[in-house]
Protein backbone atom coordinates (compact mmCIF):
# COMPACT_ATOMS: atom_id res chain seq x y z
CA MET A 1 -42.31 -1.88 33.33
CA ASN A 2 -41.06 -5.66 33.59
CA ASP A 3 -38.81 -7.01 30.98
CA ASN A 4 -39.00 -10.03 29.14
CA VAL A 5 -36.80 -13.29 30.12
CA SER A 6 -33.91 -13.78 27.93
CA ARG A 7 -34.41 -16.57 25.39
CA GLU A 8 -31.10 -17.64 26.19
CA THR A 9 -31.76 -17.98 30.11
CA ASN A 10 -35.06 -19.34 30.13
CA ASP A 11 -35.73 -22.43 31.05
CA PHE A 12 -37.97 -23.55 27.95
CA GLY A 13 -35.43 -24.46 25.02
CA GLY A 14 -34.63 -20.87 24.90
CA GLN A 15 -37.80 -20.13 23.76
CA PHE A 16 -40.91 -18.45 25.07
CA LEU A 17 -43.93 -20.28 25.89
CA PRO A 18 -47.01 -19.62 23.93
CA HIS A 19 -49.65 -17.21 24.58
CA PRO A 20 -53.18 -18.62 25.14
CA LEU A 21 -55.65 -17.18 22.70
CA LYS A 22 -57.35 -15.18 25.67
CA THR A 23 -56.32 -14.43 29.09
CA ARG A 24 -56.62 -18.11 31.31
CA ILE A 25 -58.12 -17.14 34.55
CA PHE A 26 -57.79 -19.97 37.06
CA THR A 27 -59.11 -20.28 40.66
CA VAL A 28 -56.87 -22.30 42.39
CA ALA A 29 -59.01 -23.88 45.04
CA ASN A 30 -59.52 -26.71 47.76
CA GLN A 31 -60.83 -26.27 51.06
CA LYS A 32 -58.80 -29.41 52.28
CA GLY A 33 -55.61 -27.44 53.88
CA GLY A 34 -52.03 -28.22 53.46
CA VAL A 35 -52.26 -29.83 49.92
CA GLY A 36 -49.88 -27.23 48.27
CA LYS A 37 -52.12 -24.64 46.95
CA THR A 38 -50.30 -21.30 47.27
CA THR A 39 -46.93 -22.72 47.03
CA SER A 40 -48.66 -23.94 43.38
CA THR A 41 -49.91 -20.79 42.58
CA VAL A 42 -46.91 -19.03 43.01
CA ASN A 43 -44.70 -21.01 41.65
CA LEU A 44 -46.56 -22.00 38.36
CA ALA A 45 -47.03 -18.24 38.19
CA ALA A 46 -43.10 -17.53 38.47
CA ALA A 47 -42.54 -19.81 36.01
CA LEU A 48 -44.96 -19.03 33.47
CA ALA A 49 -43.53 -15.62 33.72
CA GLU A 50 -40.01 -16.50 32.97
CA GLY A 51 -41.40 -17.97 29.85
CA GLY A 52 -42.34 -14.49 28.53
CA LEU A 53 -45.48 -14.76 29.60
CA HIS A 54 -47.79 -11.83 31.63
CA ILE A 55 -48.82 -13.06 34.67
CA LEU A 56 -51.09 -11.72 37.85
CA VAL A 57 -51.65 -13.67 41.10
CA ILE A 58 -54.43 -12.45 43.22
CA ASP A 59 -54.22 -13.34 47.17
CA LEU A 60 -57.57 -13.91 48.20
CA ASP A 61 -56.64 -15.70 51.23
CA PRO A 62 -56.51 -13.38 54.63
CA GLN A 63 -53.29 -15.16 55.55
CA GLY A 64 -51.45 -13.81 52.71
CA ASN A 65 -48.82 -16.17 51.99
CA ALA A 66 -48.80 -15.70 48.42
CA SER A 67 -47.88 -12.12 48.99
CA THR A 68 -45.06 -13.63 51.46
CA ALA A 69 -43.54 -15.80 48.96
CA LEU A 70 -43.73 -13.07 46.14
CA ALA A 71 -41.91 -10.60 48.67
CA ILE A 72 -44.82 -8.25 47.85
CA ALA A 73 -45.60 -5.82 50.97
CA HIS A 74 -48.98 -6.75 52.58
CA HIS A 75 -48.65 -5.23 56.14
CA GLN A 76 -51.85 -3.48 57.26
CA GLY A 77 -52.26 -0.29 55.41
CA VAL A 78 -51.00 -1.38 52.14
CA PRO A 79 -53.59 -1.39 49.30
CA ASP A 80 -54.97 -4.78 49.04
CA ILE A 81 -57.63 -6.82 47.47
CA TYR A 82 -59.87 -6.01 50.53
CA ALA A 83 -59.71 -2.51 49.43
CA THR A 84 -60.90 -3.27 45.91
CA LEU A 85 -63.45 -5.81 47.01
CA VAL A 86 -65.41 -3.73 49.78
CA ASP A 87 -63.97 -0.14 49.06
CA ASN A 88 -64.35 -0.44 45.29
CA THR A 89 -60.34 0.93 44.93
CA PRO A 90 -59.69 0.29 41.28
CA MET A 91 -57.11 -2.79 41.16
CA SER A 92 -54.47 -0.68 39.34
CA ASP A 93 -53.84 0.99 42.43
CA VAL A 94 -53.33 -2.51 44.13
CA VAL A 95 -51.14 -4.38 41.88
CA GLN A 96 -47.59 -4.36 42.51
CA ALA A 97 -44.84 -5.81 40.28
CA VAL A 98 -42.67 -8.52 41.80
CA PRO A 99 -39.35 -7.56 42.14
CA HIS A 100 -37.42 -10.75 41.63
CA THR A 101 -39.34 -11.92 38.63
CA PRO A 102 -40.16 -9.86 35.73
CA ASN A 103 -43.59 -10.07 33.80
CA LEU A 104 -45.28 -11.14 37.11
CA TRP A 105 -47.51 -9.34 39.26
CA CYS A 106 -49.64 -9.62 42.53
CA ALA A 107 -52.63 -7.97 44.03
CA PRO A 108 -51.78 -8.68 47.59
CA ALA A 109 -53.83 -9.64 50.75
CA THR A 110 -53.63 -7.98 54.26
CA ILE A 111 -55.31 -8.71 57.51
CA ASP A 112 -58.12 -6.61 56.38
CA LEU A 113 -59.36 -9.46 54.03
CA ALA A 114 -60.51 -11.62 57.22
CA GLY A 115 -63.35 -9.20 57.48
CA ALA A 116 -64.13 -9.29 53.96
CA GLU A 117 -66.46 -12.14 54.18
CA ILE A 118 -69.09 -10.64 56.75
CA GLU A 119 -68.96 -7.46 54.98
CA LEU A 120 -69.81 -8.66 51.68
CA VAL A 121 -72.78 -10.34 52.75
CA SER A 122 -75.10 -7.10 52.58
CA MET A 123 -73.52 -5.75 49.49
CA LEU A 124 -75.04 -5.36 46.18
CA ALA A 125 -74.15 -7.96 43.51
CA ARG A 126 -71.58 -9.76 46.05
CA GLU A 127 -70.67 -12.62 44.27
CA SER A 128 -69.41 -10.65 40.95
CA ARG A 129 -67.08 -7.48 42.75
CA LEU A 130 -63.96 -9.44 42.01
CA ILE A 131 -64.78 -10.19 38.04
CA ARG A 132 -65.79 -6.41 37.62
CA ALA A 133 -62.50 -5.27 39.35
CA ILE A 134 -60.63 -7.81 37.19
CA THR A 135 -62.24 -7.01 33.80
CA ALA A 136 -61.17 -3.29 34.63
CA TYR A 137 -57.68 -4.11 35.58
CA GLU A 138 -57.11 -6.13 32.09
CA ALA A 139 -57.89 -3.31 30.23
CA PHE A 140 -55.71 -1.31 32.13
CA HIS A 141 -52.50 -3.89 31.79
CA THR A 142 -52.97 -4.06 28.16
CA GLU A 143 -52.68 -0.19 27.86
CA LYS A 144 -49.94 0.45 30.37
CA TYR A 145 -47.75 -2.88 28.90
CA GLY A 146 -48.87 -3.12 25.65
CA GLN A 147 -49.60 -6.81 26.10
CA PRO A 148 -52.67 -8.58 28.04
CA LEU A 149 -52.25 -10.44 30.84
CA ASP A 150 -51.98 -14.27 29.48
CA TYR A 151 -52.82 -15.80 32.67
CA ILE A 152 -54.74 -14.78 36.04
CA PHE A 153 -54.16 -16.98 39.10
CA ILE A 154 -56.60 -16.49 42.31
CA ASP A 155 -55.59 -18.14 45.43
CA CYS A 156 -58.09 -18.91 47.48
CA PRO A 157 -58.72 -19.45 51.32
CA PRO A 158 -59.23 -23.38 52.65
CA SER A 159 -63.04 -22.57 52.32
CA LEU A 160 -65.92 -22.44 50.49
CA GLY A 161 -67.20 -19.05 51.57
CA LEU A 162 -68.12 -15.56 49.76
CA LEU A 163 -64.15 -15.25 48.98
CA THR A 164 -63.86 -18.28 46.98
CA ILE A 165 -67.16 -17.72 45.56
CA ASN A 166 -66.07 -14.34 44.22
CA ALA A 167 -63.03 -16.26 42.61
CA LEU A 168 -65.17 -18.88 40.81
CA VAL A 169 -67.66 -15.93 39.09
CA ALA A 170 -64.41 -14.28 38.16
CA ALA A 171 -62.67 -17.54 36.72
CA ARG A 172 -62.86 -19.56 33.35
CA GLU A 173 -60.90 -22.70 34.80
CA VAL A 174 -60.67 -24.10 38.19
CA LEU A 175 -57.00 -25.80 39.44
CA VAL A 176 -57.09 -28.25 42.32
CA PRO A 177 -54.04 -29.31 43.82
CA ILE A 178 -54.40 -32.75 45.39
CA GLN A 179 -51.64 -34.35 47.85
CA CYS A 180 -50.35 -37.86 47.17
CA GLU A 181 -51.35 -38.80 50.79
CA TYR A 182 -54.24 -40.80 52.23
CA TYR A 183 -57.67 -38.93 52.29
CA ALA A 184 -56.35 -37.21 48.96
CA LEU A 185 -59.74 -36.81 47.35
CA GLU A 186 -61.29 -36.14 50.62
CA GLY A 187 -63.96 -32.88 50.41
CA LEU A 188 -63.52 -33.14 46.47
CA GLY A 189 -67.29 -33.57 45.94
CA GLN A 190 -67.97 -30.70 48.12
CA LEU A 191 -65.96 -28.59 45.54
CA ARG A 192 -67.21 -30.19 42.75
CA LYS A 193 -70.56 -29.38 43.71
CA THR A 194 -69.63 -25.87 44.18
CA ILE A 195 -68.19 -25.48 41.20
CA GLU A 196 -71.26 -26.84 39.42
CA LEU A 197 -73.71 -24.77 41.49
CA VAL A 198 -71.71 -21.45 40.10
CA SER A 199 -71.24 -22.70 36.86
CA ASP A 200 -75.44 -23.32 36.34
CA LYS A 201 -76.20 -20.21 38.39
CA LEU A 202 -73.38 -17.39 37.98
CA ASN A 203 -70.68 -18.30 35.64
CA THR A 204 -71.88 -20.71 32.89
CA ASP A 205 -67.75 -20.50 31.51
CA LEU A 206 -66.62 -22.27 34.67
CA LYS A 207 -64.98 -25.93 34.55
CA LEU A 208 -62.73 -27.86 36.61
CA SER A 209 -59.86 -27.99 34.05
CA THR A 210 -56.70 -29.23 35.72
CA MET A 211 -55.68 -31.17 38.67
CA LEU A 212 -52.40 -30.90 40.14
CA LEU A 213 -50.64 -33.70 42.18
CA THR A 214 -48.29 -32.55 44.81
CA MET A 215 -46.26 -33.65 47.61
CA TYR A 216 -45.33 -36.71 45.67
CA ASP A 217 -42.81 -39.20 47.11
CA SER A 218 -41.53 -41.95 44.81
CA ARG A 219 -40.42 -43.92 47.54
CA THR A 220 -44.09 -45.29 49.19
CA ARG A 221 -46.57 -47.26 47.47
CA LEU A 222 -49.41 -44.82 48.67
CA ALA A 223 -48.11 -42.25 46.66
CA GLN A 224 -48.33 -43.63 43.56
CA ASP A 225 -51.83 -45.48 44.54
CA VAL A 226 -53.30 -41.80 44.88
CA VAL A 227 -51.71 -40.84 41.59
CA ASP A 228 -53.33 -43.99 39.55
CA ASP A 229 -56.68 -43.04 41.35
CA VAL A 230 -56.90 -39.68 40.41
CA LYS A 231 -56.25 -40.40 36.85
CA ALA A 232 -58.38 -43.00 36.56
CA ASN A 233 -61.13 -40.54 37.90
CA PHE A 234 -59.77 -37.48 36.07
CA PRO A 235 -58.15 -38.93 32.99
CA VAL A 236 -58.65 -35.67 30.97
CA GLU A 237 -58.04 -33.01 34.15
CA ALA A 238 -55.38 -34.72 35.74
CA MET A 239 -51.82 -32.94 34.57
CA GLN A 240 -49.21 -35.90 33.81
CA THR A 241 -46.34 -33.82 35.77
CA LEU A 242 -45.69 -34.40 39.73
CA ILE A 243 -44.83 -32.39 42.01
CA PRO A 244 -42.33 -34.14 44.50
CA ARG A 245 -42.38 -33.63 48.56
CA SER A 246 -39.28 -31.36 48.71
CA VAL A 247 -37.66 -29.28 51.31
CA ARG A 248 -36.68 -26.59 48.99
CA ILE A 249 -40.08 -26.19 48.24
CA SER A 250 -41.00 -25.87 52.05
CA GLU A 251 -37.98 -23.70 52.77
CA ALA A 252 -38.57 -20.84 49.71
CA PRO A 253 -41.49 -19.21 51.45
CA SER A 254 -39.52 -18.62 54.70
CA ARG A 255 -36.84 -16.45 52.35
CA ASP A 256 -39.68 -14.74 50.79
CA MET A 257 -39.25 -16.53 47.73
CA THR A 258 -40.71 -18.89 45.08
CA VAL A 259 -38.71 -22.25 44.94
CA LEU A 260 -37.28 -21.31 41.37
CA GLY A 261 -35.51 -18.26 43.00
CA TYR A 262 -34.54 -19.89 45.88
CA ASP A 263 -32.97 -23.09 44.53
CA ARG A 264 -33.76 -23.40 40.52
CA SER A 265 -31.67 -26.64 40.23
CA SER A 266 -33.92 -28.26 42.88
CA PRO A 267 -36.17 -31.34 41.88
CA GLY A 268 -38.90 -28.79 43.07
CA SER A 269 -38.29 -26.16 40.79
CA GLN A 270 -37.91 -28.19 37.75
CA ALA A 271 -41.19 -30.18 38.67
CA TYR A 272 -43.08 -26.84 38.54
CA ILE A 273 -40.94 -25.51 35.42
CA ALA A 274 -42.25 -28.86 33.81
CA ALA A 275 -45.64 -28.14 35.13
CA ALA A 276 -45.64 -24.53 33.65
CA ARG A 277 -44.81 -25.56 30.38
CA GLU A 278 -47.50 -28.52 30.42
CA LEU A 279 -49.80 -26.16 31.67
CA ALA A 280 -49.39 -24.03 28.70
CA TYR A 281 -49.49 -26.13 25.83
CA ARG A 282 -52.68 -27.60 27.36
CA ALA A 283 -54.20 -24.50 26.20
CA GLU A 284 -53.02 -25.40 22.76
CA GLY A 285 -53.93 -28.83 22.85
CA LEU A 286 -50.18 -29.55 22.57
CA ALA A 287 -49.62 -31.12 26.39
CA PRO A 288 -46.64 -33.36 26.39
CA ALA A 289 -47.55 -37.16 26.29
CA ARG A 290 -45.02 -38.31 28.74
CA GLU A 291 -45.29 -38.55 32.62
CA GLU A 292 -42.72 -35.67 33.53
CA THR A 293 -41.75 -37.03 37.29
CA VAL A 294 -39.05 -35.26 39.11
CA SER A 295 -37.65 -37.55 42.04
CA ILE A 296 -35.94 -36.84 45.29
């Protein structure tokens, strides 16, 4: 069993982060590639877990990058989320504990997941297969660990196919990473239309609740213009914490680590810790009023 993080050694003022009233299920989506989607998923998850919360990451991208960053075995033959979606394997047989971070678990993706889009087409209730598996796993987790999951993050592929639709049906909230670069909002309209369609037809609880600005470079005017633009258009959804462009963030996955494990004192680590704190308190209506920008 995973142990709680020490109150004396965590980065949240020596206290645990608040538990949400019920499990918060986030789909992390953006069909635009290279925006920090997987990076944000694993680092937010790790930071929240270090705040004493129980966190599950579901790797729904056939590339398996989230599994790699969390040091989870995901070679061919390992029970993975494909087996759950296509073969009805219980998620309890798929989920692995993350070795370097207590309170954090991962349902890995293998290359088999690449064929799931085609195989799901002919299946009954094809859009709802993930939510049924998650519901069963939540009960299993609570019974086994004596505590419900606090957050579930579903890392999606950079597309709006059936895998992403399954993630949107399963989630209550959508978290969209947006890079502070030119054309940052390009394609967001299509994603919002997809979210609205899923909300109307399949999941009335779904909402686009959170936007996380990534790859922020305080030295450029363009980055600040993007921040201002996003916050003007999405004043409620845009997080105040900005994730900086950072070499350490880029290097960490090559070591099968989150940036928190790779270089805890780096600006990237501190930014994701700040973002995790903000995300946790947003659930309680206690979001920090000031912008927490970590510069490089």
